[in-house]
Amino acid sequence: MEKNMENNKKVAIVGLGYVGLPLALLAAEKGYDVIGVEISQKKIAELKDAPITVTDDFSAIKDAAAIIICVPTPVYDTKLPNLEPVVGACRSVAKYLSKGQLVVLESTVNPGVCETVALPILEKESGLKAGVDFYLAHCPERINPGDEKWTVRNIPRVVGALDAAGLKMAAELYRSIIDGEVKEMGSLKEAESVKIVENAFRDVNIAFVNELAMSFSKLGIDVVNVINGSATKPFAFMAHYPGAGVGGHCIPVDPYYLIDYAKQNGFNHEFLALARTVNNGMPKFAVGLAVKELEKLGVDIADTKVTVLGLAYKANIEDCRESPSFEIIEHLEEIGAHVTSYDPYVLDKSTAKTLEDALLGAKVVNHRLPLTKSSKSSLPNIS
């Protein structure tokens, strides 16, 4: 008998990280019997009082109507996606996959992964046929850590599936859990591409204003004032602001997915690649600004105390993935600066444990100001 949403309120979520756990808790709040599958024993212990069942036993998924895979997609040093967690999760799920189940991949992947990676594994290792025995869909995760307005509850989502039946099931599932709009896409590849395009859009616009910041610093123009002036136009302009690099797991990473996938299929994304080059160069440019400002004061940055405030990739969170702060620190140390770092959310990686200690004796401080000509003796915004 098919396990559908009408007669089965059990949902299994594989991976209880910053994506899977909020979704699991929300599904439980909406009346679902939630099974959370997690391989970290530490996390399992931490969630012993959560309103969901948490286990490392994948056999617990066999009676669920839907299985949602929320494992991370880390990147290699080349910035290309490491799909090993997705492959491992699909293999573990396939062992206990049963007829009528819906499998949804939420992990961020490049276009084609659902059909060329996840689908073959699920079919081969389960002995079942997608579209006949089980259904495969993709709903790319959308979450903005630290954002109190837009949460897993109300952020609109998109879903794509291998076939119409799977699309209907996936859309109904998410509409029953979240309050935001759920848009049905025409295919798995379309749904996969949505997340990549969202983040590539931001990366390109950030690269544009970063290049303006580099130009305007030589022209004596306050780039932030110019952007704010442009933002008074009520249409056809979206303000983005420059910074000392782009951090996080999405914006500095996802464009590489599309660049690589397109290259494999005979197209070269010159524009996206250039945006990555510009943004990757901002930490070194920011350090150069500090050096120039100190030179105006007659101070050599070598043997000078420089304080970097903020190690996470954005304010008020502990996530340090792809944070430009560490590259800034590396560049500063290469030219002989004595670097002190402080982030109240990342104390384990901070060299100072209080703000007072971090600031004591510092000649240069990165205090999260945007890049402007008036940001003297400071590094620009790194968030």
Protein backbone atom coordinates (compact mmCIF):
# COMPACT_ATOMS: atom_id res chain seq x y z
CA MET A 1 0.00 0.00 0.00
CA GLU A 2 1.29 3.45 -0.87
CA LYS A 3 2.54 5.50 2.02
CA ASN A 4 0.89 8.86 1.32
CA MET A 5 0.27 11.96 3.34
CA GLU A 6 -3.42 11.17 3.83
CA ASN A 7 -2.97 7.99 5.86
CA ASN A 8 0.60 8.25 7.13
CA LYS A 9 1.89 11.20 9.17
CA LYS A 10 5.37 9.80 9.66
CA VAL A 11 8.27 11.69 8.11
CA ALA A 12 11.95 10.77 8.30
CA ILE A 13 14.60 13.49 8.08
CA VAL A 14 18.17 12.37 7.41
CA GLY A 15 20.69 14.85 8.83
CA LEU A 16 19.85 17.11 11.76
CA GLY A 17 22.12 20.05 11.07
CA TYR A 18 21.22 23.70 10.61
CA VAL A 19 18.84 22.70 7.78
CA GLY A 20 17.37 19.40 8.90
CA LEU A 21 16.75 20.12 12.57
CA PRO A 22 14.58 23.26 12.14
CA LEU A 23 12.56 21.42 9.49
CA ALA A 24 12.15 18.39 11.76
CA LEU A 25 10.96 20.51 14.68
CA LEU A 26 8.53 22.42 12.48
CA ALA A 27 7.12 19.18 11.02
CA ALA A 28 6.60 17.85 14.54
CA GLU A 29 4.82 21.07 15.47
CA LYS A 30 2.53 20.59 12.45
CA GLY A 31 1.48 17.15 13.68
CA TYR A 32 3.94 14.82 11.99
CA ASP A 33 5.56 11.86 13.71
CA VAL A 34 9.17 12.77 12.93
CA ILE A 35 12.08 10.35 12.81
CA GLY A 36 15.41 12.15 12.76
CA VAL A 37 18.34 10.05 11.50
CA GLU A 38 21.70 11.40 12.62
CA ILE A 39 25.14 9.76 12.64
CA SER A 40 26.63 12.10 15.27
CA GLN A 41 26.31 10.52 18.70
CA LYS A 42 26.95 13.90 20.29
CA LYS A 43 24.01 15.43 18.47
CA ILE A 44 21.79 12.47 19.29
CA ALA A 45 22.58 12.99 22.98
CA GLU A 46 21.90 16.73 22.71
CA LEU A 47 18.49 16.08 21.17
CA LYS A 48 17.30 13.46 23.66
CA ASP A 49 14.56 15.81 24.92
CA ALA A 50 13.48 17.04 21.48
CA PRO A 51 9.87 16.37 20.36
CA ILE A 52 11.14 14.00 17.67
CA THR A 53 12.61 10.51 17.66
CA VAL A 54 16.35 10.71 17.01
CA THR A 55 18.35 7.65 16.01
CA ASP A 56 21.38 6.50 14.03
CA ASP A 57 19.45 3.46 12.76
CA PHE A 58 18.36 3.95 9.13
CA SER A 59 15.88 1.09 9.41
CA ALA A 60 13.62 3.55 11.26
CA ILE A 61 12.77 5.16 7.91
CA LYS A 62 11.04 2.15 6.40
CA ASP A 63 7.55 3.06 7.59
CA ALA A 64 7.73 6.79 6.81
CA ALA A 65 5.61 8.33 4.08
CA ALA A 66 8.44 10.66 3.13
CA ILE A 67 12.22 10.68 3.60
CA ILE A 68 13.90 14.08 3.42
CA ILE A 69 17.68 14.08 2.99
CA CYS A 70 19.34 17.15 4.53
CA VAL A 71 23.00 16.20 4.60
CA PRO A 72 25.72 18.78 3.90
CA THR A 73 27.43 19.20 0.55
CA PRO A 74 30.94 20.35 1.46
CA VAL A 75 33.42 21.41 -1.18
CA TYR A 76 36.92 20.34 -2.05
CA ASP A 77 39.83 22.80 -2.07
CA THR A 78 39.03 23.28 -5.76
CA LYS A 79 35.60 24.61 -4.67
CA LEU A 80 33.88 21.79 -6.53
CA PRO A 81 31.12 19.89 -4.70
CA ASN A 82 31.95 16.92 -2.54
CA LEU A 83 28.93 14.66 -2.99
CA GLU A 84 30.14 11.92 -0.64
CA PRO A 85 27.61 12.77 2.12
CA VAL A 86 24.77 12.73 -0.44
CA VAL A 87 25.98 9.44 -1.90
CA GLY A 88 26.31 7.90 1.56
CA ALA A 89 22.86 9.06 2.63
CA CYS A 90 21.26 7.73 -0.56
CA ARG A 91 22.91 4.35 -0.09
CA SER A 92 21.73 4.10 3.50
CA VAL A 93 18.21 5.17 2.57
CA ALA A 94 18.07 2.72 -0.35
CA LYS A 95 18.63 -0.24 1.98
CA TYR A 96 15.30 0.41 3.68
CA LEU A 97 13.35 2.08 0.88
CA SER A 98 9.88 0.62 0.43
CA LYS A 99 7.08 0.99 -2.09
CA GLY A 100 5.11 4.22 -2.13
CA GLN A 101 7.70 6.32 -0.32
CA LEU A 102 8.68 9.82 -1.37
CA VAL A 103 12.38 10.69 -1.23
CA VAL A 104 13.23 14.41 -1.19
CA LEU A 105 16.78 15.71 -1.48
CA GLU A 106 17.17 19.12 0.19
CA SER A 107 20.96 19.26 0.01
CA THR A 108 22.33 21.93 -2.33
CA VAL A 109 23.59 20.21 -5.48
CA ASN A 110 24.47 21.22 -9.02
CA PRO A 111 21.96 20.57 -11.81
CA GLY A 112 21.74 16.91 -12.78
CA VAL A 113 22.81 15.37 -9.48
CA CYS A 114 19.36 14.06 -8.56
CA GLU A 115 19.09 12.14 -11.83
CA THR A 116 22.72 11.10 -12.35
CA VAL A 117 23.82 10.45 -8.76
CA ALA A 118 20.90 10.02 -6.34
CA LEU A 119 18.48 8.21 -8.67
CA PRO A 120 20.81 5.38 -9.82
CA ILE A 121 21.85 4.66 -6.23
CA LEU A 122 18.31 4.58 -4.93
CA GLU A 123 17.12 2.30 -7.74
CA LYS A 124 20.09 -0.06 -7.84
CA GLU A 125 20.48 -0.61 -4.12
CA SER A 126 16.75 -0.83 -3.34
CA GLY A 127 15.68 -2.86 -6.36
CA LEU A 128 12.78 -0.46 -6.81
CA LYS A 129 11.84 1.69 -9.79
CA ALA A 130 11.46 5.45 -9.41
CA GLY A 131 8.11 6.75 -10.63
CA VAL A 132 6.62 3.29 -10.16
CA ASP A 133 7.64 2.00 -6.74
CA PHE A 134 8.88 5.21 -5.12
CA TYR A 135 9.05 8.92 -5.92
CA LEU A 136 12.01 11.27 -6.12
CA ALA A 137 11.87 15.06 -5.61
CA HIS A 138 14.20 17.96 -4.90
CA CYS A 139 13.43 20.92 -2.66
CA PRO A 140 16.61 22.99 -2.31
CA GLU A 141 17.10 24.20 1.24
CA ARG A 142 16.54 27.85 1.96
CA ILE A 143 17.68 29.15 5.31
CA ASN A 144 19.27 32.39 6.42
CA PRO A 145 21.06 31.84 9.76
CA GLY A 146 20.49 34.65 12.23
CA ASP A 147 17.47 36.04 10.33
CA GLU A 148 14.50 36.43 12.68
CA LYS A 149 12.10 37.52 9.93
CA TRP A 150 12.66 34.83 7.31
CA THR A 151 12.78 31.35 8.86
CA VAL A 152 12.16 27.78 7.78
CA ARG A 153 8.51 28.41 8.64
CA ASN A 154 7.79 31.21 6.17
CA ILE A 155 10.48 31.23 3.47
CA PRO A 156 8.88 30.26 0.12
CA ARG A 157 10.18 27.03 -1.39
CA VAL A 158 10.42 25.40 -4.80
CA VAL A 159 10.03 21.71 -5.57
CA GLY A 160 10.81 19.65 -8.63
CA ALA A 161 10.33 15.93 -9.18
CA LEU A 162 11.01 13.08 -11.56
CA ASP A 163 7.33 12.77 -12.45
CA ALA A 164 3.95 14.43 -11.90
CA ALA A 165 2.91 12.10 -9.07
CA GLY A 166 6.09 12.76 -7.13
CA LEU A 167 5.74 16.50 -7.69
CA LYS A 168 2.22 16.47 -6.31
CA MET A 169 3.28 14.51 -3.24
CA ALA A 170 6.29 16.74 -2.54
CA ALA A 171 4.29 19.95 -2.97
CA GLU A 172 1.55 18.69 -0.65
CA LEU A 173 4.13 17.66 1.94
CA TYR A 174 5.82 21.05 2.09
CA ARG A 175 2.52 22.94 2.00
CA SER A 176 1.45 20.98 5.06
CA ILE A 177 4.64 21.91 6.95
CA ILE A 178 5.59 25.46 5.98
CA ASP A 179 3.49 28.61 5.80
CA GLY A 180 5.34 30.08 2.81
CA GLU A 181 4.46 29.60 -0.84
CA VAL A 182 5.52 26.36 -2.53
CA LYS A 183 6.22 26.73 -6.25
CA GLU A 184 6.19 23.63 -8.42
CA MET A 185 9.01 23.52 -10.98
CA GLY A 186 8.99 21.72 -14.32
CA SER A 187 11.77 19.25 -13.54
CA LEU A 188 14.42 18.14 -11.08
CA LYS A 189 17.06 20.12 -12.98
CA GLU A 190 14.98 23.29 -12.76
CA ALA A 191 14.64 22.92 -8.99
CA GLU A 192 18.37 22.22 -8.64
CA SER A 193 19.18 25.29 -10.73
CA VAL A 194 17.03 27.65 -8.66
CA LYS A 195 19.34 27.57 -5.64
CA ILE A 196 22.44 27.97 -7.79
CA VAL A 197 20.97 30.95 -9.66
CA GLU A 198 19.87 32.67 -6.43
CA ASN A 199 23.36 32.61 -5.00
CA ALA A 200 25.14 33.32 -8.28
CA PHE A 201 22.92 36.42 -8.61
CA ARG A 202 24.11 37.70 -5.25
CA ASP A 203 27.72 36.82 -5.99
CA VAL A 204 27.68 38.75 -9.27
CA ASN A 205 26.07 41.83 -7.71
CA ILE A 206 28.49 41.78 -4.79
CA ALA A 207 31.39 41.49 -7.24
CA PHE A 208 30.06 44.53 -9.10
CA VAL A 209 30.01 46.75 -6.01
CA ASN A 210 33.33 45.32 -4.82
CA GLU A 211 34.90 46.36 -8.09
CA LEU A 212 33.28 49.79 -7.72
CA ALA A 213 34.78 50.02 -4.23
CA MET A 214 38.25 49.29 -5.58
CA SER A 215 37.79 51.86 -8.34
CA PHE A 216 36.22 54.55 -6.15
CA SER A 217 38.96 54.21 -3.54
CA LYS A 218 41.33 55.61 -6.19
CA LEU A 219 38.85 58.22 -7.42
CA GLY A 220 38.05 59.70 -4.00
CA ILE A 221 34.37 58.73 -4.19
CA ASP A 222 32.41 57.32 -1.24
CA VAL A 223 30.97 54.16 -2.75
CA VAL A 224 28.40 53.60 0.01
CA ASN A 225 26.96 57.09 -0.43
CA VAL A 226 26.73 56.44 -4.17
CA ILE A 227 24.93 53.13 -3.63
CA ASN A 228 22.52 54.75 -1.17
CA GLY A 229 21.88 57.48 -3.70
CA SER A 230 21.21 54.93 -6.43
CA ALA A 231 18.85 53.08 -4.08
CA THR A 232 16.51 56.08 -4.05
CA LYS A 233 15.38 54.99 -7.51
CA PRO A 234 12.14 53.08 -6.79
CA PHE A 235 12.57 50.53 -9.58
CA ALA A 236 15.24 48.55 -11.46
CA PHE A 237 17.90 48.86 -8.76
CA MET A 238 18.73 46.56 -5.85
CA ALA A 239 21.31 47.81 -3.38
CA HIS A 240 24.28 45.55 -2.63
CA TYR A 241 27.23 46.69 -0.55
CA PRO A 242 30.94 45.93 -0.83
CA GLY A 243 32.91 43.97 1.72
CA ALA A 244 36.19 42.24 2.36
CA GLY A 245 35.08 38.97 0.83
CA VAL A 246 32.11 36.65 0.57
CA GLY A 247 31.54 33.95 3.17
CA GLY A 248 29.14 31.17 4.01
CA HIS A 249 28.44 27.82 2.44
CA CYS A 250 26.31 29.12 -0.43
CA ILE A 251 27.28 32.35 -2.19
CA PRO A 252 31.03 31.70 -2.55
CA VAL A 253 30.46 28.05 -3.43
CA ASP A 254 27.31 27.54 -5.52
CA PRO A 255 28.52 29.49 -8.60
CA TYR A 256 31.31 26.93 -8.97
CA TYR A 257 28.69 24.18 -9.24
CA LEU A 258 27.12 25.85 -12.27
CA ILE A 259 30.49 26.81 -13.77
CA ASP A 260 31.66 23.19 -13.56
CA TYR A 261 28.41 21.63 -14.77
CA ALA A 262 28.19 24.00 -17.75
CA LYS A 263 31.85 23.35 -18.66
CA GLN A 264 31.16 19.62 -18.71
CA ASN A 265 28.39 20.33 -21.20
CA GLY A 266 30.34 22.64 -23.50
CA PHE A 267 29.71 26.13 -22.09
CA ASN A 268 32.15 28.48 -20.37
CA HIS A 269 30.62 30.81 -17.75
CA GLU A 270 33.08 33.71 -18.08
CA PHE A 271 30.86 36.17 -16.19
CA LEU A 272 30.38 33.92 -13.13
CA ALA A 273 34.07 33.02 -13.08
CA LEU A 274 35.05 36.70 -13.17
CA ALA A 275 32.71 37.48 -10.27
CA ARG A 276 34.39 34.76 -8.24
CA THR A 277 37.81 36.17 -9.08
CA VAL A 278 36.81 39.68 -7.97
CA ASN A 279 35.27 38.52 -4.70
CA ASN A 280 38.12 36.15 -3.92
CA GLY A 281 40.52 39.08 -4.18
CA MET A 282 38.77 41.27 -1.62
CA PRO A 283 40.48 40.01 1.56
CA LYS A 284 43.89 40.95 0.13
CA PHE A 285 42.54 44.30 -1.09
CA ALA A 286 41.14 45.04 2.38
CA VAL A 287 44.51 44.36 3.96
CA GLY A 288 46.07 46.67 1.40
CA LEU A 289 43.73 49.47 2.48
CA ALA A 290 44.86 49.05 6.08
CA VAL A 291 48.52 49.15 5.03
CA LYS A 292 47.98 52.38 3.06
CA GLU A 293 46.14 54.09 5.90
CA LEU A 294 48.92 53.20 8.34
CA GLU A 295 51.53 54.48 5.92
CA LYS A 296 49.74 57.85 5.91
CA LEU A 297 50.25 57.89 9.68
CA GLY A 298 53.88 56.91 9.34
CA VAL A 299 53.29 53.46 10.83
CA ASP A 300 54.69 50.24 9.36
CA ILE A 301 52.18 47.39 9.66
CA ALA A 302 55.01 44.97 10.43
CA ASP A 303 55.09 44.36 14.19
CA THR A 304 51.84 46.34 14.55
CA LYS A 305 48.87 44.92 16.44
CA VAL A 306 45.87 44.45 14.16
CA THR A 307 42.54 43.30 15.57
CA VAL A 308 40.01 41.39 13.49
CA LEU A 309 36.54 41.52 15.01
CA GLY A 310 34.30 38.81 13.63
CA LEU A 311 35.34 35.34 12.54
CA ALA A 312 32.00 33.90 11.43
CA TYR A 313 30.96 34.65 7.88
CA LYS A 314 28.22 37.01 9.09
CA ALA A 315 27.26 38.73 12.32
CA ASN A 316 25.57 37.00 15.26
CA ILE A 317 26.18 33.39 14.20
CA GLU A 318 28.91 30.83 14.86
CA ASP A 319 29.26 29.46 11.32
CA CYS A 320 32.78 30.10 9.96
CA ARG A 321 32.50 28.28 6.63
CA GLU A 322 34.30 30.13 3.86
CA SER A 323 34.66 33.18 6.12
CA PRO A 324 37.06 35.74 4.59
CA SER A 325 38.27 36.65 8.08
CA PHE A 326 40.76 33.80 8.08
CA GLU A 327 42.23 34.83 4.75
CA ILE A 328 42.52 38.40 6.05
CA ILE A 329 44.39 37.09 9.07
CA GLU A 330 46.67 35.02 6.84
CA HIS A 331 47.53 38.02 4.65
CA LEU A 332 48.19 40.20 7.70
CA GLU A 333 50.51 37.63 9.26
CA GLU A 334 52.38 37.23 5.97
CA ILE A 335 53.37 40.91 6.10
CA GLY A 336 54.42 40.70 9.74
CA ALA A 337 51.39 42.07 11.60
CA HIS A 338 50.57 40.78 15.08
CA VAL A 339 46.94 39.71 14.67
CA THR A 340 44.41 39.44 17.46
CA SER A 341 40.95 38.08 16.69
CA TYR A 342 37.69 38.15 18.59
CA ASP A 343 34.17 36.89 17.94
CA PRO A 344 31.82 36.29 20.87
CA TYR A 345 30.08 33.55 18.87
CA VAL A 346 33.35 31.82 17.93
CA LEU A 347 35.43 31.99 21.08
CA ASP A 348 37.14 28.68 20.40
CA LYS A 349 38.84 30.22 17.36
CA SER A 350 39.38 33.70 18.87
CA THR A 351 42.79 34.63 20.22
CA ALA A 352 41.21 37.15 22.63
CA LYS A 353 38.39 36.17 24.96
CA THR A 354 36.99 39.66 25.56
CA LEU A 355 36.43 42.69 23.36
CA GLU A 356 38.52 44.82 25.69
CA ASP A 357 41.53 42.53 25.36
CA ALA A 358 41.11 42.41 21.60
CA LEU A 359 41.15 46.20 21.26
CA LEU A 360 43.93 46.94 23.74
CA GLY A 361 46.89 48.41 21.87
CA ALA A 362 45.50 47.80 18.39
CA LYS A 363 46.49 50.21 15.60
CA VAL A 364 44.02 48.73 13.10
CA VAL A 365 40.57 47.30 13.83
CA ASN A 366 38.13 45.59 11.52
CA HIS A 367 34.87 46.84 13.03
CA ARG A 368 32.48 45.76 10.27
CA LEU A 369 32.29 49.13 8.54
CA PRO A 370 31.41 49.03 4.84
CA LEU A 371 34.08 49.97 2.32
CA THR A 372 34.18 53.77 2.15
CA LYS A 373 36.94 56.32 1.78
CA SER A 374 36.11 57.49 5.31
CA SER A 375 36.77 54.07 6.85
CA LYS A 376 40.21 55.14 7.94
CA SER A 377 42.44 52.77 9.90
CA SER A 378 39.93 49.96 9.55
CA LEU A 379 39.20 46.95 7.45
CA PRO A 380 35.87 46.88 5.65
CA ASN A 381 32.77 44.80 6.37
CA ILE A 382 33.46 41.07 6.21
CA SER A 383 29.94 39.83 6.75
